Amino acid sequence: PMGTLTAETLDPAQVIAGRIFDFTEATVRNEPLRSAALHAASLARAAGREVCYAVNYRPAAWRGQSQAEIIAIQRRACAAADIVLLNREEALLIAGTQAIEAAAAILGELGPRMIVITDGAAGALLWADGELAHIPARQVPVVYDIGAGDTFHAGLLAAHLRGMDPQAAARFASDAAALRISRDAAAPNPSFGEVLQLGPLT
């Protein structure tokens, strides 16, 4: 099982098989998986692959660890990544500030080239190579909001891998999430083409 994976048992060929190594908060909560995930990120970077870290923080899962310890680990994971995706509350916690713009700059100092901070109906804040941009949310009727974050995550990386610049990729991810929440639970996730068909915001 994944929870018993160690840095020593990692297969480097599997780590670098894709164009992006993508890991999330669940992999850094506890040892030995934490060391394995961070080692895998290091291997990926050394091989010229991009690394994405999605925070998706679940406080109750970090049993026996202080908030200071958790923040330190989250910052290590952010520093290991080229792309960081997190929500407003996570960004403020990890950065230790009350301003979302300041949080983006603080996290950017850790080393990522692109940071996307989602903020619900307010849209998202993009930090890319030192520049900030606001990505407005597309307003849609909310039918079922479970899975919006995962859809944003998938959309961001799909658009990035297609060669979109950071602002276009974040726009695409936001639109993908909007389509997801406008559908009921049984509906399929939006396709790449469906998201593109939405066109620009007016």
N, C-alpha and C. Protein backbone atom coordinates (compact mmCIF):
# COMPACT_ATOMS: atom_id res chain seq x y z
N PRO A 1 0.82 -1.20 0.00
CA PRO A 1 0.00 0.00 0.00
C PRO A 1 0.86 1.26 0.00
N MET A 2 0.28 2.35 -0.50
CA MET A 2 1.05 3.58 -0.65
C MET A 2 1.61 4.08 0.68
N GLY A 3 0.88 3.87 1.77
CA GLY A 3 1.31 4.36 3.07
C GLY A 3 2.60 3.77 3.56
N THR A 4 3.02 2.65 3.00
CA THR A 4 4.27 2.01 3.42
C THR A 4 5.41 2.27 2.43
N LEU A 5 5.15 3.06 1.41
CA LEU A 5 6.19 3.38 0.43
C LEU A 5 7.29 4.18 1.11
N THR A 6 8.54 3.87 0.79
CA THR A 6 9.68 4.59 1.36
C THR A 6 10.53 5.17 0.24
N ALA A 7 11.41 6.09 0.62
CA ALA A 7 12.31 6.67 -0.37
C ALA A 7 13.18 5.60 -1.00
N GLU A 8 13.53 4.58 -0.22
CA GLU A 8 14.40 3.51 -0.72
C GLU A 8 13.70 2.59 -1.71
N THR A 9 12.38 2.46 -1.58
CA THR A 9 11.67 1.53 -2.47
C THR A 9 11.07 2.23 -3.68
N LEU A 10 11.27 3.53 -3.82
CA LEU A 10 10.78 4.25 -4.99
C LEU A 10 11.48 3.76 -6.26
N ASP A 11 10.74 3.67 -7.33
CA ASP A 11 11.32 3.36 -8.63
C ASP A 11 11.48 4.68 -9.39
N PRO A 12 12.70 5.18 -9.54
CA PRO A 12 12.90 6.48 -10.22
C PRO A 12 12.30 6.52 -11.61
N ALA A 13 12.30 5.39 -12.31
CA ALA A 13 11.75 5.37 -13.66
C ALA A 13 10.25 5.69 -13.65
N GLN A 14 9.55 5.21 -12.64
CA GLN A 14 8.13 5.51 -12.54
C GLN A 14 7.90 6.98 -12.18
N VAL A 15 8.76 7.51 -11.33
CA VAL A 15 8.61 8.90 -10.89
C VAL A 15 8.73 9.85 -12.08
N ILE A 16 9.63 9.57 -12.99
CA ILE A 16 9.90 10.50 -14.10
C ILE A 16 9.21 10.08 -15.39
N ALA A 17 8.30 9.12 -15.30
CA ALA A 17 7.64 8.63 -16.51
C ALA A 17 6.75 9.67 -17.16
N GLY A 18 6.17 10.56 -16.35
CA GLY A 18 5.29 11.59 -16.88
C GLY A 18 6.00 12.93 -17.04
N ARG A 19 5.30 13.88 -17.63
CA ARG A 19 5.87 15.22 -17.82
C ARG A 19 5.80 16.05 -16.53
N ILE A 20 4.85 15.71 -15.65
CA ILE A 20 4.70 16.40 -14.38
C ILE A 20 4.60 15.37 -13.27
N PHE A 21 5.32 15.59 -12.18
CA PHE A 21 5.12 14.80 -10.96
C PHE A 21 4.18 15.60 -10.08
N ASP A 22 3.03 15.01 -9.77
CA ASP A 22 1.96 15.70 -9.07
C ASP A 22 1.73 15.02 -7.73
N PHE A 23 1.89 15.76 -6.61
CA PHE A 23 1.64 15.16 -5.30
C PHE A 23 0.78 16.09 -4.45
N THR A 24 0.16 15.52 -3.45
CA THR A 24 -0.78 16.28 -2.63
C THR A 24 -0.46 16.13 -1.15
N GLU A 25 -1.20 16.89 -0.35
CA GLU A 25 -1.01 16.91 1.10
C GLU A 25 -1.09 15.52 1.74
N ALA A 26 -1.93 14.65 1.21
CA ALA A 26 -2.09 13.32 1.80
C ALA A 26 -0.78 12.54 1.82
N THR A 27 0.13 12.86 0.91
CA THR A 27 1.39 12.11 0.85
C THR A 27 2.45 12.64 1.81
N VAL A 28 2.22 13.79 2.43
CA VAL A 28 3.26 14.35 3.31
C VAL A 28 2.82 14.43 4.77
N ARG A 29 1.70 13.83 5.11
CA ARG A 29 1.21 13.90 6.49
C ARG A 29 2.09 13.11 7.45
N ASN A 30 2.52 11.94 7.04
CA ASN A 30 3.22 11.04 7.95
C ASN A 30 4.38 10.34 7.25
N GLU A 31 5.32 9.90 8.06
CA GLU A 31 6.41 9.06 7.56
C GLU A 31 5.94 7.60 7.51
N PRO A 32 6.49 6.78 6.60
CA PRO A 32 7.60 7.09 5.69
C PRO A 32 7.18 7.72 4.36
N LEU A 33 5.86 7.84 4.14
CA LEU A 33 5.40 8.36 2.85
C LEU A 33 5.86 9.79 2.61
N ARG A 34 5.95 10.59 3.69
CA ARG A 34 6.39 11.98 3.53
C ARG A 34 7.76 12.04 2.86
N SER A 35 8.73 11.30 3.42
CA SER A 35 10.08 11.32 2.85
C SER A 35 10.09 10.77 1.43
N ALA A 36 9.25 9.78 1.18
CA ALA A 36 9.17 9.20 -0.16
C ALA A 36 8.66 10.23 -1.16
N ALA A 37 7.61 10.96 -0.77
CA ALA A 37 7.03 11.96 -1.68
C ALA A 37 8.01 13.09 -1.97
N LEU A 38 8.68 13.58 -0.94
CA LEU A 38 9.63 14.67 -1.14
C LEU A 38 10.85 14.21 -1.93
N HIS A 39 11.26 12.97 -1.72
CA HIS A 39 12.37 12.42 -2.49
C HIS A 39 11.95 12.27 -3.96
N ALA A 40 10.73 11.82 -4.18
CA ALA A 40 10.24 11.68 -5.55
C ALA A 40 10.20 13.04 -6.25
N ALA A 41 9.77 14.07 -5.54
CA ALA A 41 9.76 15.41 -6.13
C ALA A 41 11.17 15.85 -6.51
N SER A 42 12.13 15.52 -5.65
CA SER A 42 13.52 15.86 -5.93
C SER A 42 14.04 15.11 -7.16
N LEU A 43 13.69 13.83 -7.25
CA LEU A 43 14.09 13.04 -8.41
C LEU A 43 13.50 13.60 -9.70
N ALA A 44 12.24 13.98 -9.62
CA ALA A 44 11.57 14.52 -10.80
C ALA A 44 12.23 15.80 -11.28
N ARG A 45 12.52 16.69 -10.35
CA ARG A 45 13.17 17.95 -10.71
C ARG A 45 14.56 17.70 -11.30
N ALA A 46 15.29 16.77 -10.70
CA ALA A 46 16.64 16.47 -11.19
C ALA A 46 16.60 15.93 -12.62
N ALA A 47 15.49 15.28 -12.96
CA ALA A 47 15.35 14.72 -14.31
C ALA A 47 14.71 15.71 -15.28
N GLY A 48 14.50 16.94 -14.83
CA GLY A 48 13.95 17.95 -15.72
C GLY A 48 12.44 17.93 -15.84
N ARG A 49 11.78 17.23 -14.92
CA ARG A 49 10.32 17.21 -14.92
C ARG A 49 9.80 18.34 -14.04
N GLU A 50 8.61 18.80 -14.35
CA GLU A 50 7.97 19.79 -13.48
C GLU A 50 7.30 19.07 -12.31
N VAL A 51 7.13 19.79 -11.21
CA VAL A 51 6.52 19.23 -10.01
C VAL A 51 5.36 20.13 -9.60
N CYS A 52 4.22 19.52 -9.30
CA CYS A 52 3.06 20.25 -8.80
C CYS A 52 2.71 19.72 -7.41
N TYR A 53 2.45 20.65 -6.50
CA TYR A 53 1.99 20.29 -5.16
C TYR A 53 0.63 20.95 -4.91
N ALA A 54 -0.37 20.12 -4.62
CA ALA A 54 -1.71 20.60 -4.29
C ALA A 54 -1.93 20.38 -2.80
N VAL A 55 -2.19 21.46 -2.06
CA VAL A 55 -2.21 21.38 -0.61
C VAL A 55 -3.40 20.56 -0.09
N ASN A 56 -4.62 20.97 -0.38
CA ASN A 56 -5.81 20.18 0.01
C ASN A 56 -5.73 19.73 1.47
N TYR A 57 -5.49 20.69 2.36
CA TYR A 57 -5.19 20.43 3.78
C TYR A 57 -6.38 19.86 4.54
N ARG A 58 -6.15 18.77 5.24
CA ARG A 58 -7.16 18.12 6.08
C ARG A 58 -6.62 18.05 7.50
N PRO A 59 -6.89 19.05 8.35
CA PRO A 59 -6.27 19.13 9.68
C PRO A 59 -6.45 17.89 10.53
N ALA A 60 -7.62 17.27 10.48
CA ALA A 60 -7.90 16.13 11.35
C ALA A 60 -7.01 14.93 11.04
N ALA A 61 -6.43 14.90 9.85
CA ALA A 61 -5.60 13.75 9.46
C ALA A 61 -4.17 13.85 9.98
N TRP A 62 -3.81 15.01 10.53
CA TRP A 62 -2.45 15.22 11.02
C TRP A 62 -2.40 14.98 12.53
N ARG A 63 -2.65 13.78 12.95
CA ARG A 63 -2.72 13.46 14.37
C ARG A 63 -1.35 13.57 15.04
N GLY A 64 -1.34 14.20 16.22
CA GLY A 64 -0.12 14.27 17.01
C GLY A 64 0.92 15.25 16.53
N GLN A 65 0.60 16.11 15.58
CA GLN A 65 1.57 17.06 15.07
C GLN A 65 1.07 18.48 15.34
N SER A 66 1.96 19.32 15.80
CA SER A 66 1.58 20.69 16.11
C SER A 66 1.37 21.48 14.83
N GLN A 67 0.67 22.61 14.97
CA GLN A 67 0.45 23.45 13.80
C GLN A 67 1.77 23.96 13.24
N ALA A 68 2.71 24.27 14.10
CA ALA A 68 4.02 24.74 13.64
C ALA A 68 4.72 23.66 12.80
N GLU A 69 4.63 22.41 13.25
CA GLU A 69 5.23 21.30 12.50
C GLU A 69 4.55 21.13 11.15
N ILE A 70 3.23 21.22 11.16
CA ILE A 70 2.46 21.05 9.92
C ILE A 70 2.82 22.14 8.92
N ILE A 71 2.89 23.38 9.39
CA ILE A 71 3.23 24.49 8.50
C ILE A 71 4.63 24.31 7.92
N ALA A 72 5.56 23.88 8.74
CA ALA A 72 6.93 23.67 8.27
C ALA A 72 6.97 22.62 7.16
N ILE A 73 6.21 21.55 7.34
CA ILE A 73 6.17 20.48 6.33
C ILE A 73 5.51 20.98 5.05
N GLN A 74 4.42 21.74 5.21
CA GLN A 74 3.75 22.29 4.03
C GLN A 74 4.68 23.22 3.25
N ARG A 75 5.45 23.99 3.96
CA ARG A 75 6.38 24.89 3.29
C ARG A 75 7.48 24.10 2.56
N ARG A 76 7.93 23.00 3.15
CA ARG A 76 8.91 22.14 2.46
C ARG A 76 8.33 21.60 1.16
N ALA A 77 7.07 21.18 1.22
CA ALA A 77 6.42 20.63 0.03
C ALA A 77 6.25 21.70 -1.04
N CYS A 78 5.86 22.91 -0.62
CA CYS A 78 5.73 24.02 -1.58
C CYS A 78 7.08 24.33 -2.22
N ALA A 79 8.13 24.30 -1.43
CA ALA A 79 9.47 24.60 -1.94
C ALA A 79 9.96 23.54 -2.92
N ALA A 80 9.40 22.34 -2.83
CA ALA A 80 9.80 21.25 -3.71
C ALA A 80 9.11 21.31 -5.07
N ALA A 81 8.17 22.26 -5.23
CA ALA A 81 7.32 22.28 -6.41
C ALA A 81 7.58 23.47 -7.32
N ASP A 82 7.25 23.29 -8.59
CA ASP A 82 7.25 24.39 -9.56
C ASP A 82 5.89 25.06 -9.61
N ILE A 83 4.84 24.28 -9.35
CA ILE A 83 3.46 24.76 -9.37
C ILE A 83 2.83 24.40 -8.04
N VAL A 84 2.21 25.37 -7.38
CA VAL A 84 1.52 25.12 -6.11
C VAL A 84 0.08 25.57 -6.25
N LEU A 85 -0.82 24.70 -5.82
CA LEU A 85 -2.25 24.99 -5.86
C LEU A 85 -2.81 24.84 -4.46
N LEU A 86 -3.53 25.87 -3.99
CA LEU A 86 -4.10 25.84 -2.65
C LEU A 86 -5.25 26.84 -2.57
N ASN A 87 -6.03 26.77 -1.49
CA ASN A 87 -7.12 27.73 -1.35
C ASN A 87 -6.69 28.88 -0.44
N ARG A 88 -7.57 29.85 -0.29
CA ARG A 88 -7.24 31.05 0.46
C ARG A 88 -6.83 30.75 1.90
N GLU A 89 -7.62 29.92 2.60
CA GLU A 89 -7.33 29.61 4.00
C GLU A 89 -5.98 28.91 4.14
N GLU A 90 -5.69 27.99 3.23
CA GLU A 90 -4.41 27.29 3.27
C GLU A 90 -3.25 28.24 3.03
N ALA A 91 -3.41 29.14 2.09
CA ALA A 91 -2.34 30.08 1.77
C ALA A 91 -2.04 31.00 2.95
N LEU A 92 -3.08 31.51 3.59
CA LEU A 92 -2.87 32.41 4.72
C LEU A 92 -2.21 31.68 5.88
N LEU A 93 -2.61 30.42 6.11
CA LEU A 93 -2.03 29.63 7.19
C LEU A 93 -0.55 29.36 6.94
N ILE A 94 -0.24 28.86 5.76
CA ILE A 94 1.14 28.46 5.46
C ILE A 94 2.07 29.67 5.38
N ALA A 95 1.55 30.77 4.84
CA ALA A 95 2.38 31.96 4.69
C ALA A 95 2.47 32.77 5.98
N GLY A 96 1.52 32.57 6.89
CA GLY A 96 1.55 33.31 8.15
C GLY A 96 1.19 34.76 7.99
N THR A 97 0.18 35.04 7.16
CA THR A 97 -0.26 36.40 6.93
C THR A 97 -1.78 36.42 6.80
N GLN A 98 -2.37 37.62 6.80
CA GLN A 98 -3.81 37.75 6.66
C GLN A 98 -4.21 38.34 5.31
N ALA A 99 -3.26 38.55 4.43
CA ALA A 99 -3.53 39.13 3.11
C ALA A 99 -3.17 38.12 2.03
N ILE A 100 -4.11 37.86 1.13
CA ILE A 100 -3.90 36.82 0.13
C ILE A 100 -2.77 37.19 -0.84
N GLU A 101 -2.65 38.47 -1.18
CA GLU A 101 -1.58 38.90 -2.08
C GLU A 101 -0.21 38.71 -1.43
N ALA A 102 -0.13 39.05 -0.15
CA ALA A 102 1.12 38.85 0.58
C ALA A 102 1.45 37.36 0.69
N ALA A 103 0.42 36.54 0.90
CA ALA A 103 0.63 35.10 0.99
C ALA A 103 1.24 34.56 -0.30
N ALA A 104 0.72 35.01 -1.43
CA ALA A 104 1.25 34.56 -2.71
C ALA A 104 2.72 34.92 -2.85
N ALA A 105 3.08 36.14 -2.47
CA ALA A 105 4.48 36.58 -2.58
C ALA A 105 5.38 35.78 -1.64
N ILE A 106 4.91 35.54 -0.42
CA ILE A 106 5.70 34.78 0.56
C ILE A 106 5.94 33.36 0.07
N LEU A 107 4.89 32.73 -0.44
CA LEU A 107 5.03 31.37 -0.96
C LEU A 107 5.91 31.36 -2.21
N GLY A 108 5.83 32.41 -3.00
CA GLY A 108 6.68 32.49 -4.18
C GLY A 108 8.16 32.53 -3.83
N GLU A 109 8.48 33.11 -2.68
CA GLU A 109 9.88 33.16 -2.25
C GLU A 109 10.44 31.78 -1.93
N LEU A 110 9.56 30.79 -1.75
CA LEU A 110 10.03 29.43 -1.47
C LEU A 110 10.57 28.74 -2.72
N GLY A 111 10.20 29.26 -3.91
CA GLY A 111 10.77 28.68 -5.12
C GLY A 111 9.83 28.32 -6.25
N PRO A 112 8.52 28.13 -6.02
CA PRO A 112 7.65 27.79 -7.15
C PRO A 112 7.62 28.90 -8.20
N ARG A 113 7.39 28.52 -9.45
CA ARG A 113 7.26 29.52 -10.51
C ARG A 113 5.81 29.98 -10.67
N MET A 114 4.87 29.12 -10.27
CA MET A 114 3.46 29.46 -10.42
C MET A 114 2.70 29.02 -9.17
N ILE A 115 1.89 29.93 -8.63
CA ILE A 115 1.06 29.64 -7.47
C ILE A 115 -0.36 30.07 -7.82
N VAL A 116 -1.32 29.20 -7.58
CA VAL A 116 -2.72 29.54 -7.80
C VAL A 116 -3.45 29.36 -6.48
N ILE A 117 -4.08 30.44 -6.03
CA ILE A 117 -4.84 30.43 -4.77
C ILE A 117 -6.31 30.58 -5.11
N THR A 118 -7.09 29.54 -4.89
CA THR A 118 -8.51 29.60 -5.20
C THR A 118 -9.26 30.27 -4.05
N ASP A 119 -10.35 30.95 -4.42
CA ASP A 119 -11.09 31.73 -3.41
C ASP A 119 -12.59 31.71 -3.69
N GLY A 120 -13.10 30.51 -4.01
CA GLY A 120 -14.54 30.33 -4.19
C GLY A 120 -15.12 31.25 -5.24
N ALA A 121 -16.25 31.87 -4.89
CA ALA A 121 -16.95 32.74 -5.83
C ALA A 121 -16.15 33.99 -6.20
N ALA A 122 -15.12 34.30 -5.38
CA ALA A 122 -14.28 35.46 -5.68
C ALA A 122 -13.27 35.17 -6.79
N GLY A 123 -13.17 33.92 -7.21
CA GLY A 123 -12.25 33.56 -8.27
C GLY A 123 -10.95 32.98 -7.74
N ALA A 124 -9.85 33.35 -8.34
CA ALA A 124 -8.54 32.83 -7.94
C ALA A 124 -7.49 33.91 -8.12
N LEU A 125 -6.43 33.79 -7.34
CA LEU A 125 -5.28 34.69 -7.47
C LEU A 125 -4.13 33.88 -8.06
N LEU A 126 -3.58 34.39 -9.13
CA LEU A 126 -2.44 33.75 -9.79
C LEU A 126 -1.19 34.55 -9.52
N TRP A 127 -0.15 33.86 -9.05
CA TRP A 127 1.19 34.44 -8.92
C TRP A 127 2.08 33.65 -9.86
N ALA A 128 2.65 34.33 -10.85
CA ALA A 128 3.51 33.65 -11.82
C ALA A 128 4.74 34.50 -12.09
N ASP A 129 5.89 33.98 -11.75
CA ASP A 129 7.17 34.67 -11.96
C ASP A 129 7.14 36.09 -11.40
N GLY A 130 6.57 36.22 -10.20
CA GLY A 130 6.57 37.50 -9.51
C GLY A 130 5.43 38.42 -9.83
N GLU A 131 4.57 38.05 -10.79
CA GLU A 131 3.45 38.90 -11.19
C GLU A 131 2.13 38.32 -10.67
N LEU A 132 1.27 39.22 -10.17
CA LEU A 132 -0.04 38.81 -9.66
C LEU A 132 -1.13 39.10 -10.68
N ALA A 133 -2.12 38.21 -10.75
CA ALA A 133 -3.28 38.43 -11.61
C ALA A 133 -4.50 37.82 -10.94
N HIS A 134 -5.63 38.50 -11.05
CA HIS A 134 -6.87 37.98 -10.53
C HIS A 134 -7.62 37.25 -11.63
N ILE A 135 -8.09 36.05 -11.33
CA ILE A 135 -8.86 35.25 -12.28
C ILE A 135 -10.31 35.24 -11.80
N PRO A 136 -11.19 36.01 -12.40
CA PRO A 136 -12.59 36.04 -11.93
C PRO A 136 -13.26 34.69 -12.12
N ALA A 137 -14.17 34.37 -11.21
CA ALA A 137 -14.92 33.13 -11.33
C ALA A 137 -16.06 33.31 -12.33
N ARG A 138 -16.29 32.30 -13.15
CA ARG A 138 -17.46 32.31 -14.03
C ARG A 138 -18.68 31.99 -13.18
N GLN A 139 -19.67 32.84 -13.21
CA GLN A 139 -20.85 32.66 -12.38
C GLN A 139 -21.81 31.66 -13.02
N VAL A 140 -22.08 30.58 -12.30
CA VAL A 140 -22.97 29.54 -12.78
C VAL A 140 -23.89 29.11 -11.64
N PRO A 141 -25.05 28.54 -11.96
CA PRO A 141 -25.89 27.98 -10.89
C PRO A 141 -25.20 26.76 -10.28
N VAL A 142 -25.12 26.73 -8.96
CA VAL A 142 -24.45 25.62 -8.28
C VAL A 142 -25.44 24.49 -8.06
N VAL A 143 -25.16 23.35 -8.70
CA VAL A 143 -26.00 22.17 -8.57
C VAL A 143 -25.39 21.18 -7.59
N TYR A 144 -24.09 20.98 -7.69
CA TYR A 144 -23.39 20.00 -6.84
C TYR A 144 -21.93 20.45 -6.77
N ASP A 145 -21.50 20.88 -5.58
CA ASP A 145 -20.17 21.50 -5.51
C ASP A 145 -19.04 20.57 -5.09
N ILE A 146 -19.34 19.30 -4.83
CA ILE A 146 -18.26 18.37 -4.49
C ILE A 146 -17.42 18.10 -5.74
N GLY A 147 -16.13 18.19 -5.59
CA GLY A 147 -15.24 17.90 -6.71
C GLY A 147 -14.74 19.13 -7.45
N ALA A 148 -15.18 20.32 -7.01
CA ALA A 148 -14.74 21.54 -7.69
C ALA A 148 -13.22 21.70 -7.61
N GLY A 149 -12.66 21.46 -6.41
CA GLY A 149 -11.22 21.63 -6.25
C GLY A 149 -10.42 20.64 -7.08
N ASP A 150 -10.87 19.39 -7.10
CA ASP A 150 -10.17 18.38 -7.90
C ASP A 150 -10.25 18.71 -9.38
N THR A 151 -11.40 19.23 -9.82
CA THR A 151 -11.56 19.59 -11.23
C THR A 151 -10.66 20.77 -11.58
N PHE A 152 -10.57 21.75 -10.68
CA PHE A 152 -9.66 22.88 -10.90
C PHE A 152 -8.23 22.37 -11.04
N HIS A 153 -7.83 21.50 -10.15
CA HIS A 153 -6.49 20.91 -10.15
C HIS A 153 -6.20 20.22 -11.49
N ALA A 154 -7.13 19.35 -11.90
CA ALA A 154 -6.95 18.62 -13.16
C ALA A 154 -6.94 19.58 -14.35
N GLY A 155 -7.83 20.57 -14.32
CA GLY A 155 -7.89 21.51 -15.42
C GLY A 155 -6.64 22.35 -15.55
N LEU A 156 -6.10 22.78 -14.41
CA LEU A 156 -4.88 23.58 -14.43
C LEU A 156 -3.73 22.83 -15.08
N LEU A 157 -3.54 21.58 -14.68
CA LEU A 157 -2.43 20.81 -15.24
C LEU A 157 -2.68 20.42 -16.68
N ALA A 158 -3.93 20.11 -17.03
CA ALA A 158 -4.25 19.79 -18.42
C ALA A 158 -3.95 20.96 -19.34
N ALA A 159 -4.35 22.16 -18.91
CA ALA A 159 -4.10 23.34 -19.72
C ALA A 159 -2.61 23.66 -19.78
N HIS A 160 -1.93 23.53 -18.67
CA HIS A 160 -0.48 23.78 -18.63
C HIS A 160 0.26 22.83 -19.57
N LEU A 161 -0.13 21.56 -19.56
CA LEU A 161 0.52 20.58 -20.41
C LEU A 161 0.22 20.82 -21.90
N ARG A 162 -0.88 21.49 -22.17
CA ARG A 162 -1.21 21.84 -23.55
C ARG A 162 -0.47 23.10 -24.01
N GLY A 163 0.33 23.69 -23.12
CA GLY A 163 1.14 24.83 -23.51
C GLY A 163 0.51 26.18 -23.23
N MET A 164 -0.59 26.23 -22.50
CA MET A 164 -1.19 27.52 -22.17
C MET A 164 -0.29 28.28 -21.19
N ASP A 165 -0.28 29.60 -21.30
CA ASP A 165 0.48 30.39 -20.35
C ASP A 165 -0.24 30.35 -18.99
N PRO A 166 0.43 30.77 -17.91
CA PRO A 166 -0.18 30.64 -16.58
C PRO A 166 -1.57 31.26 -16.44
N GLN A 167 -1.77 32.44 -17.02
CA GLN A 167 -3.07 33.09 -16.88
C GLN A 167 -4.15 32.33 -17.64
N ALA A 168 -3.83 31.86 -18.83
CA ALA A 168 -4.80 31.09 -19.60
C ALA A 168 -5.09 29.75 -18.93
N ALA A 169 -4.06 29.13 -18.35
CA ALA A 169 -4.26 27.85 -17.67
C ALA A 169 -5.13 28.01 -16.44
N ALA A 170 -4.91 29.08 -15.68
CA ALA A 170 -5.74 29.33 -14.50
C ALA A 170 -7.18 29.65 -14.90
N ARG A 171 -7.35 30.40 -15.99
CA ARG A 171 -8.70 30.69 -16.50
C ARG A 171 -9.41 29.40 -16.88
N PHE A 172 -8.68 28.52 -17.59
CA PHE A 172 -9.24 27.24 -18.01
C PHE A 172 -9.64 26.42 -16.79
N ALA A 173 -8.78 26.37 -15.78
CA ALA A 173 -9.07 25.59 -14.58
C ALA A 173 -10.31 26.10 -13.87
N SER A 174 -10.43 27.42 -13.79
CA SER A 174 -11.60 28.03 -13.14
C SER A 174 -12.87 27.68 -13.90
N ASP A 175 -12.81 27.72 -15.23
CA ASP A 175 -13.98 27.39 -16.03
C ASP A 175 -14.34 25.90 -15.92
N ALA A 176 -13.32 25.04 -15.84
CA ALA A 176 -13.59 23.61 -15.66
C ALA A 176 -14.32 23.36 -14.36
N ALA A 177 -13.87 24.03 -13.29
CA ALA A 177 -14.53 23.89 -11.99
C ALA A 177 -15.96 24.42 -12.04
N ALA A 178 -16.17 25.53 -12.75
CA ALA A 178 -17.52 26.09 -12.87
C ALA A 178 -18.46 25.11 -13.58
N LEU A 179 -17.97 24.48 -14.63
CA LEU A 179 -18.79 23.47 -15.32
C LEU A 179 -19.12 22.31 -14.39
N ARG A 180 -18.13 21.88 -13.61
CA ARG A 180 -18.35 20.74 -12.70
C ARG A 180 -19.46 21.05 -11.70
N ILE A 181 -19.44 22.21 -11.09
CA ILE A 181 -20.43 22.50 -10.05
C ILE A 181 -21.79 22.84 -10.62
N SER A 182 -21.87 23.06 -11.93
CA SER A 182 -23.16 23.33 -12.55
C SER A 182 -23.89 22.06 -12.94
N ARG A 183 -23.27 20.91 -12.67
CA ARG A 183 -23.84 19.61 -13.04
C ARG A 183 -24.15 18.79 -11.80
N ASP A 184 -25.05 17.82 -11.95
CA ASP A 184 -25.35 16.98 -10.79
C ASP A 184 -24.26 15.95 -10.59
N ALA A 185 -24.36 15.24 -9.49
CA ALA A 185 -23.28 14.32 -9.08
C ALA A 185 -23.02 13.23 -10.10
N ALA A 186 -24.06 12.79 -10.78
CA ALA A 186 -23.92 11.67 -11.71
C ALA A 186 -23.39 12.10 -13.08
N ALA A 187 -23.33 13.38 -13.33
CA ALA A 187 -22.89 13.87 -14.64
C ALA A 187 -21.39 13.67 -14.80
N PRO A 188 -20.93 13.46 -16.03
CA PRO A 188 -19.49 13.29 -16.25
C PRO A 188 -18.74 14.60 -16.02
N ASN A 189 -17.47 14.47 -15.73
CA ASN A 189 -16.64 15.66 -15.62
C ASN A 189 -16.53 16.35 -16.97
N PRO A 190 -16.36 17.66 -16.99
CA PRO A 190 -16.27 18.36 -18.28
C PRO A 190 -15.04 17.93 -19.07
N SER A 191 -15.21 17.85 -20.38
CA SER A 191 -14.08 17.52 -21.25
C SER A 191 -13.29 18.78 -21.57
N PHE A 192 -12.11 18.58 -22.11
CA PHE A 192 -11.26 19.72 -22.48
C PHE A 192 -12.01 20.61 -23.48
N GLY A 193 -12.64 19.97 -24.46
CA GLY A 193 -13.37 20.73 -25.48
C GLY A 193 -14.53 21.51 -24.91
N GLU A 194 -15.25 20.92 -23.97
CA GLU A 194 -16.39 21.61 -23.36
C GLU A 194 -15.94 22.88 -22.64
N VAL A 195 -14.82 22.81 -21.97
CA VAL A 195 -14.32 23.99 -21.27
C VAL A 195 -13.95 25.07 -22.28
N LEU A 196 -13.27 24.71 -23.34
CA LEU A 196 -12.88 25.70 -24.36
C LEU A 196 -14.09 26.36 -24.98
N GLN A 197 -15.17 25.61 -25.13
CA GLN A 197 -16.37 26.16 -25.78
C GLN A 197 -17.04 27.27 -24.96
N LEU A 198 -16.69 27.39 -23.69
CA LEU A 198 -17.29 28.45 -22.89
C LEU A 198 -16.89 29.83 -23.39
N GLY A 199 -15.72 29.93 -23.97
CA GLY A 199 -15.27 31.21 -24.49
C GLY A 199 -14.86 32.17 -23.40
N PRO A 200 -14.50 33.41 -23.78
CA PRO A 200 -14.05 34.39 -22.78
C PRO A 200 -15.18 34.89 -21.92
N LEU A 201 -14.85 35.36 -20.72
CA LEU A 201 -15.85 35.99 -19.86
C LEU A 201 -16.26 37.33 -20.46
N THR A 202 -17.53 37.65 -20.34
CA THR A 202 -18.01 38.94 -20.86
C THR A 202 -18.48 39.83 -19.74
